[in-house]
Amino acid sequence: MYAIIQTGGKQYQVTPGDTIQVESLAGQVGETVVIPQVLFVAQDEKVLVGRPFLEQIFVEGEILRQGRQRKVLVFKHKRRKGYRKKVGHRQPFTALKIKAIQGL
């Protein structure tokens, strides 16, 4: 059984027991998070497709970690003008362990 969910403007294929990194979600480590934006569910021969989302089906996950990814450096310059700018960015993320796909 697997599902395709949407969170943080991105889509993820998940199965119970998976660990995924998603855009930062509110909550503390150990809390349960419910993701109601389920686009697709496949279980054996049964397939459900949402338009755009499936009603009354949701995915439960447990927050394993709140963190920030590695730094991405952005360097800008304009030749012969003396303009140089160096900026770093660390994107926050939430690590989720998928517990179950509920509502089937």
N, C-alpha and C. Protein backbone atom coordinates (compact mmCIF):
# COMPACT_ATOMS: atom_id res chain seq x y z
N MET A 1 0.84 -1.17 0.00
CA MET A 1 0.00 0.00 0.00
C MET A 1 0.89 1.23 0.00
N TYR A 2 0.54 2.21 -0.82
CA TYR A 2 1.25 3.48 -0.81
C TYR A 2 0.29 4.61 -1.14
N ALA A 3 0.75 5.83 -0.83
CA ALA A 3 -0.07 7.01 -1.09
C ALA A 3 0.83 8.11 -1.62
N ILE A 4 0.24 9.02 -2.34
CA ILE A 4 0.94 10.22 -2.78
C ILE A 4 0.29 11.39 -2.05
N ILE A 5 1.11 12.11 -1.28
CA ILE A 5 0.62 13.23 -0.48
C ILE A 5 1.23 14.53 -0.98
N GLN A 6 0.61 15.63 -0.58
CA GLN A 6 1.12 16.95 -0.93
C GLN A 6 1.29 17.75 0.35
N THR A 7 2.49 18.28 0.53
CA THR A 7 2.76 19.16 1.67
C THR A 7 3.91 20.09 1.29
N GLY A 8 3.78 21.34 1.68
CA GLY A 8 4.83 22.30 1.38
C GLY A 8 5.00 22.57 -0.10
N GLY A 9 3.93 22.37 -0.89
CA GLY A 9 4.01 22.63 -2.32
C GLY A 9 4.70 21.53 -3.11
N LYS A 10 5.01 20.41 -2.45
CA LYS A 10 5.68 19.29 -3.12
C LYS A 10 4.87 18.02 -2.90
N GLN A 11 5.10 17.03 -3.74
CA GLN A 11 4.40 15.76 -3.63
C GLN A 11 5.39 14.66 -3.27
N TYR A 12 4.95 13.73 -2.41
CA TYR A 12 5.79 12.64 -1.93
C TYR A 12 5.03 11.33 -2.02
N GLN A 13 5.72 10.27 -2.43
CA GLN A 13 5.14 8.93 -2.40
C GLN A 13 5.57 8.29 -1.09
N VAL A 14 4.60 7.85 -0.28
CA VAL A 14 4.90 7.32 1.04
C VAL A 14 4.22 5.98 1.26
N THR A 15 4.85 5.16 2.08
CA THR A 15 4.28 3.92 2.57
C THR A 15 4.46 3.91 4.07
N PRO A 16 3.65 3.18 4.82
CA PRO A 16 3.83 3.12 6.27
C PRO A 16 5.23 2.61 6.62
N GLY A 17 5.89 3.34 7.50
CA GLY A 17 7.25 2.98 7.90
C GLY A 17 8.33 3.83 7.24
N ASP A 18 7.97 4.59 6.18
CA ASP A 18 8.94 5.45 5.50
C ASP A 18 9.34 6.63 6.36
N THR A 19 10.55 7.14 6.13
CA THR A 19 11.01 8.39 6.73
C THR A 19 11.29 9.37 5.60
N ILE A 20 10.65 10.55 5.67
CA ILE A 20 10.81 11.55 4.61
C ILE A 20 11.15 12.90 5.23
N GLN A 21 11.78 13.76 4.43
CA GLN A 21 12.04 15.14 4.84
C GLN A 21 11.12 16.05 4.04
N VAL A 22 10.31 16.82 4.76
CA VAL A 22 9.37 17.73 4.11
C VAL A 22 9.69 19.16 4.53
N GLU A 23 9.05 20.11 3.87
CA GLU A 23 9.19 21.50 4.29
C GLU A 23 8.74 21.63 5.74
N SER A 24 9.25 22.59 6.44
CA SER A 24 9.04 22.73 7.88
C SER A 24 7.55 22.74 8.25
N LEU A 25 7.20 21.89 9.22
CA LEU A 25 5.85 21.82 9.77
C LEU A 25 5.89 22.23 11.23
N ALA A 26 4.81 22.79 11.73
CA ALA A 26 4.72 23.18 13.13
C ALA A 26 4.59 21.94 13.99
N GLY A 27 5.26 21.95 15.13
CA GLY A 27 5.16 20.83 16.05
C GLY A 27 6.49 20.48 16.67
N GLN A 28 6.44 19.75 17.78
CA GLN A 28 7.64 19.33 18.50
C GLN A 28 7.99 17.89 18.14
N VAL A 29 9.22 17.50 18.44
CA VAL A 29 9.66 16.14 18.19
C VAL A 29 8.81 15.17 19.02
N GLY A 30 8.33 14.12 18.38
CA GLY A 30 7.50 13.13 19.04
C GLY A 30 6.01 13.33 18.83
N GLU A 31 5.60 14.49 18.37
CA GLU A 31 4.18 14.75 18.13
C GLU A 31 3.71 14.07 16.85
N THR A 32 2.40 13.81 16.78
CA THR A 32 1.80 13.21 15.60
C THR A 32 1.25 14.31 14.71
N VAL A 33 1.50 14.19 13.41
CA VAL A 33 1.05 15.16 12.42
C VAL A 33 0.09 14.45 11.48
N VAL A 34 -1.01 15.11 11.13
CA VAL A 34 -1.98 14.56 10.19
C VAL A 34 -1.88 15.36 8.90
N ILE A 35 -1.71 14.65 7.78
CA ILE A 35 -1.62 15.29 6.48
C ILE A 35 -2.87 14.91 5.68
N PRO A 36 -3.82 15.85 5.52
CA PRO A 36 -5.08 15.52 4.85
C PRO A 36 -5.02 15.62 3.32
N GLN A 37 -3.95 16.20 2.75
CA GLN A 37 -3.86 16.36 1.31
C GLN A 37 -3.32 15.08 0.67
N VAL A 38 -4.20 14.10 0.48
CA VAL A 38 -3.84 12.83 -0.15
C VAL A 38 -4.37 12.84 -1.58
N LEU A 39 -3.47 12.68 -2.55
CA LEU A 39 -3.83 12.75 -3.95
C LEU A 39 -4.18 11.39 -4.55
N PHE A 40 -3.55 10.33 -4.03
CA PHE A 40 -3.66 9.02 -4.66
C PHE A 40 -3.37 7.95 -3.62
N VAL A 41 -4.10 6.85 -3.66
CA VAL A 41 -3.85 5.71 -2.78
C VAL A 41 -3.97 4.43 -3.59
N ALA A 42 -3.00 3.54 -3.42
CA ALA A 42 -3.05 2.23 -4.08
C ALA A 42 -2.87 1.16 -3.01
N GLN A 43 -3.81 0.21 -2.97
CA GLN A 43 -3.76 -0.90 -2.00
C GLN A 43 -4.14 -2.16 -2.76
N ASP A 44 -3.16 -3.04 -2.97
CA ASP A 44 -3.34 -4.26 -3.78
C ASP A 44 -3.90 -3.86 -5.16
N GLU A 45 -5.09 -4.30 -5.49
CA GLU A 45 -5.70 -3.98 -6.78
C GLU A 45 -6.59 -2.74 -6.71
N LYS A 46 -6.81 -2.22 -5.51
CA LYS A 46 -7.70 -1.07 -5.32
C LYS A 46 -6.90 0.22 -5.50
N VAL A 47 -7.40 1.10 -6.36
CA VAL A 47 -6.74 2.38 -6.64
C VAL A 47 -7.76 3.49 -6.47
N LEU A 48 -7.40 4.52 -5.69
CA LEU A 48 -8.25 5.69 -5.50
C LEU A 48 -7.50 6.93 -5.96
N VAL A 49 -8.15 7.73 -6.79
CA VAL A 49 -7.55 8.95 -7.31
C VAL A 49 -8.41 10.12 -6.89
N GLY A 50 -7.80 11.13 -6.31
CA GLY A 50 -8.54 12.31 -5.86
C GLY A 50 -8.66 13.36 -6.94
N ARG A 51 -9.64 14.25 -6.76
CA ARG A 51 -9.84 15.35 -7.71
C ARG A 51 -10.05 16.65 -6.97
N PRO A 52 -9.11 17.36 -6.45
CA PRO A 52 -7.69 17.01 -6.45
C PRO A 52 -7.29 16.12 -5.27
N PHE A 53 -8.07 16.16 -4.16
CA PHE A 53 -7.71 15.38 -2.98
C PHE A 53 -8.78 14.34 -2.68
N LEU A 54 -8.38 13.31 -1.96
CA LEU A 54 -9.32 12.28 -1.52
C LEU A 54 -9.96 12.72 -0.20
N GLU A 55 -11.27 12.65 -0.13
CA GLU A 55 -11.99 13.03 1.08
C GLU A 55 -11.89 11.91 2.11
N GLN A 56 -11.77 12.26 3.37
CA GLN A 56 -11.79 11.35 4.51
C GLN A 56 -10.65 10.35 4.52
N ILE A 57 -9.60 10.59 3.75
CA ILE A 57 -8.39 9.76 3.81
C ILE A 57 -7.25 10.70 4.18
N PHE A 58 -6.45 10.28 5.15
CA PHE A 58 -5.34 11.10 5.59
C PHE A 58 -4.17 10.21 5.99
N VAL A 59 -3.00 10.85 6.09
CA VAL A 59 -1.77 10.15 6.45
C VAL A 59 -1.30 10.66 7.80
N GLU A 60 -0.98 9.75 8.70
CA GLU A 60 -0.44 10.11 10.01
C GLU A 60 1.06 9.91 10.00
N GLY A 61 1.75 10.88 10.59
CA GLY A 61 3.20 10.79 10.70
C GLY A 61 3.67 11.30 12.04
N GLU A 62 4.84 10.85 12.45
CA GLU A 62 5.43 11.30 13.71
C GLU A 62 6.66 12.13 13.39
N ILE A 63 6.79 13.27 14.08
CA ILE A 63 7.93 14.15 13.85
C ILE A 63 9.15 13.54 14.53
N LEU A 64 10.18 13.25 13.73
CA LEU A 64 11.42 12.70 14.26
C LEU A 64 12.44 13.79 14.55
N ARG A 65 12.42 14.84 13.72
CA ARG A 65 13.46 15.87 13.86
C ARG A 65 13.01 17.16 13.19
N GLN A 66 13.36 18.27 13.81
CA GLN A 66 13.20 19.59 13.20
C GLN A 66 14.62 20.11 12.99
N GLY A 67 14.95 20.51 11.80
CA GLY A 67 16.32 20.95 11.56
C GLY A 67 16.42 21.87 10.37
N ARG A 68 17.67 22.13 9.99
CA ARG A 68 17.94 22.95 8.81
C ARG A 68 18.94 22.21 7.93
N GLN A 69 18.75 22.31 6.63
CA GLN A 69 19.62 21.61 5.70
C GLN A 69 20.97 22.29 5.60
N ARG A 70 21.86 21.68 4.82
CA ARG A 70 23.20 22.25 4.64
C ARG A 70 23.10 23.61 3.97
N LYS A 71 24.09 24.44 4.24
CA LYS A 71 24.09 25.80 3.70
C LYS A 71 24.35 25.79 2.19
N VAL A 72 23.53 26.58 1.49
CA VAL A 72 23.71 26.80 0.06
C VAL A 72 24.26 28.21 -0.08
N LEU A 73 25.41 28.34 -0.75
CA LEU A 73 26.03 29.65 -0.94
C LEU A 73 25.63 30.23 -2.29
N VAL A 74 25.29 31.52 -2.28
CA VAL A 74 24.96 32.26 -3.49
C VAL A 74 25.95 33.40 -3.60
N PHE A 75 26.69 33.45 -4.71
CA PHE A 75 27.69 34.49 -4.91
C PHE A 75 27.33 35.28 -6.15
N LYS A 76 27.19 36.58 -5.99
CA LYS A 76 26.85 37.47 -7.10
C LYS A 76 28.01 38.44 -7.32
N HIS A 77 28.27 38.76 -8.57
CA HIS A 77 29.25 39.80 -8.85
C HIS A 77 28.98 40.39 -10.22
N LYS A 78 29.46 41.59 -10.43
CA LYS A 78 29.38 42.23 -11.73
C LYS A 78 30.81 42.56 -12.15
N ARG A 79 31.18 42.10 -13.30
CA ARG A 79 32.56 42.27 -13.72
C ARG A 79 32.92 43.74 -13.92
N ARG A 80 34.11 44.08 -13.54
CA ARG A 80 34.70 45.43 -13.67
C ARG A 80 33.98 46.50 -12.87
N LYS A 81 33.08 46.16 -11.99
CA LYS A 81 32.33 47.17 -11.23
C LYS A 81 32.63 47.13 -9.74
N GLY A 82 33.32 46.12 -9.27
CA GLY A 82 33.65 46.03 -7.84
C GLY A 82 32.48 45.54 -6.99
N TYR A 83 31.45 45.03 -7.63
CA TYR A 83 30.27 44.54 -6.90
C TYR A 83 30.42 43.05 -6.63
N ARG A 84 30.45 42.68 -5.35
CA ARG A 84 30.55 41.28 -4.94
C ARG A 84 29.62 41.08 -3.75
N LYS A 85 28.83 40.02 -3.78
CA LYS A 85 27.90 39.76 -2.70
C LYS A 85 27.85 38.25 -2.48
N LYS A 86 28.03 37.83 -1.23
CA LYS A 86 28.00 36.41 -0.89
C LYS A 86 26.91 36.21 0.17
N VAL A 87 25.94 35.32 -0.14
CA VAL A 87 24.81 35.10 0.76
C VAL A 87 24.68 33.60 0.97
N GLY A 88 24.37 33.20 2.19
CA GLY A 88 24.12 31.80 2.48
C GLY A 88 22.67 31.59 2.89
N HIS A 89 22.15 30.37 2.65
CA HIS A 89 20.77 30.05 3.00
C HIS A 89 20.69 28.62 3.51
N ARG A 90 19.99 28.41 4.61
CA ARG A 90 19.74 27.07 5.15
C ARG A 90 18.24 26.89 5.25
N GLN A 91 17.71 25.94 4.47
CA GLN A 91 16.27 25.70 4.42
C GLN A 91 15.84 24.84 5.61
N PRO A 92 14.83 25.28 6.37
CA PRO A 92 14.34 24.44 7.47
C PRO A 92 13.55 23.24 6.94
N PHE A 93 13.61 22.12 7.68
CA PHE A 93 12.88 20.92 7.27
C PHE A 93 12.36 20.21 8.50
N THR A 94 11.44 19.27 8.27
CA THR A 94 10.91 18.39 9.30
C THR A 94 11.07 16.96 8.79
N ALA A 95 11.67 16.11 9.60
CA ALA A 95 11.79 14.69 9.25
C ALA A 95 10.57 13.97 9.84
N LEU A 96 9.84 13.26 8.99
CA LEU A 96 8.63 12.57 9.39
C LEU A 96 8.79 11.06 9.21
N LYS A 97 8.26 10.30 10.16
CA LYS A 97 8.14 8.85 10.00
C LYS A 97 6.66 8.58 9.78
N ILE A 98 6.33 7.99 8.64
CA ILE A 98 4.94 7.73 8.29
C ILE A 98 4.44 6.54 9.10
N LYS A 99 3.38 6.78 9.89
CA LYS A 99 2.80 5.72 10.73
C LYS A 99 1.76 4.91 9.98
N ALA A 100 0.78 5.59 9.39
CA ALA A 100 -0.33 4.86 8.78
C ALA A 100 -1.04 5.73 7.75
N ILE A 101 -1.76 5.05 6.86
CA ILE A 101 -2.67 5.70 5.93
C ILE A 101 -4.07 5.35 6.41
N GLN A 102 -4.79 6.35 6.92
CA GLN A 102 -6.08 6.12 7.57
C GLN A 102 -7.24 6.45 6.63
N GLY A 103 -8.39 5.85 6.91
CA GLY A 103 -9.62 6.19 6.21
C GLY A 103 -10.00 5.25 5.09
N LEU A 104 -9.24 4.18 4.89
CA LEU A 104 -9.58 3.25 3.81
C LEU A 104 -10.68 2.30 4.23
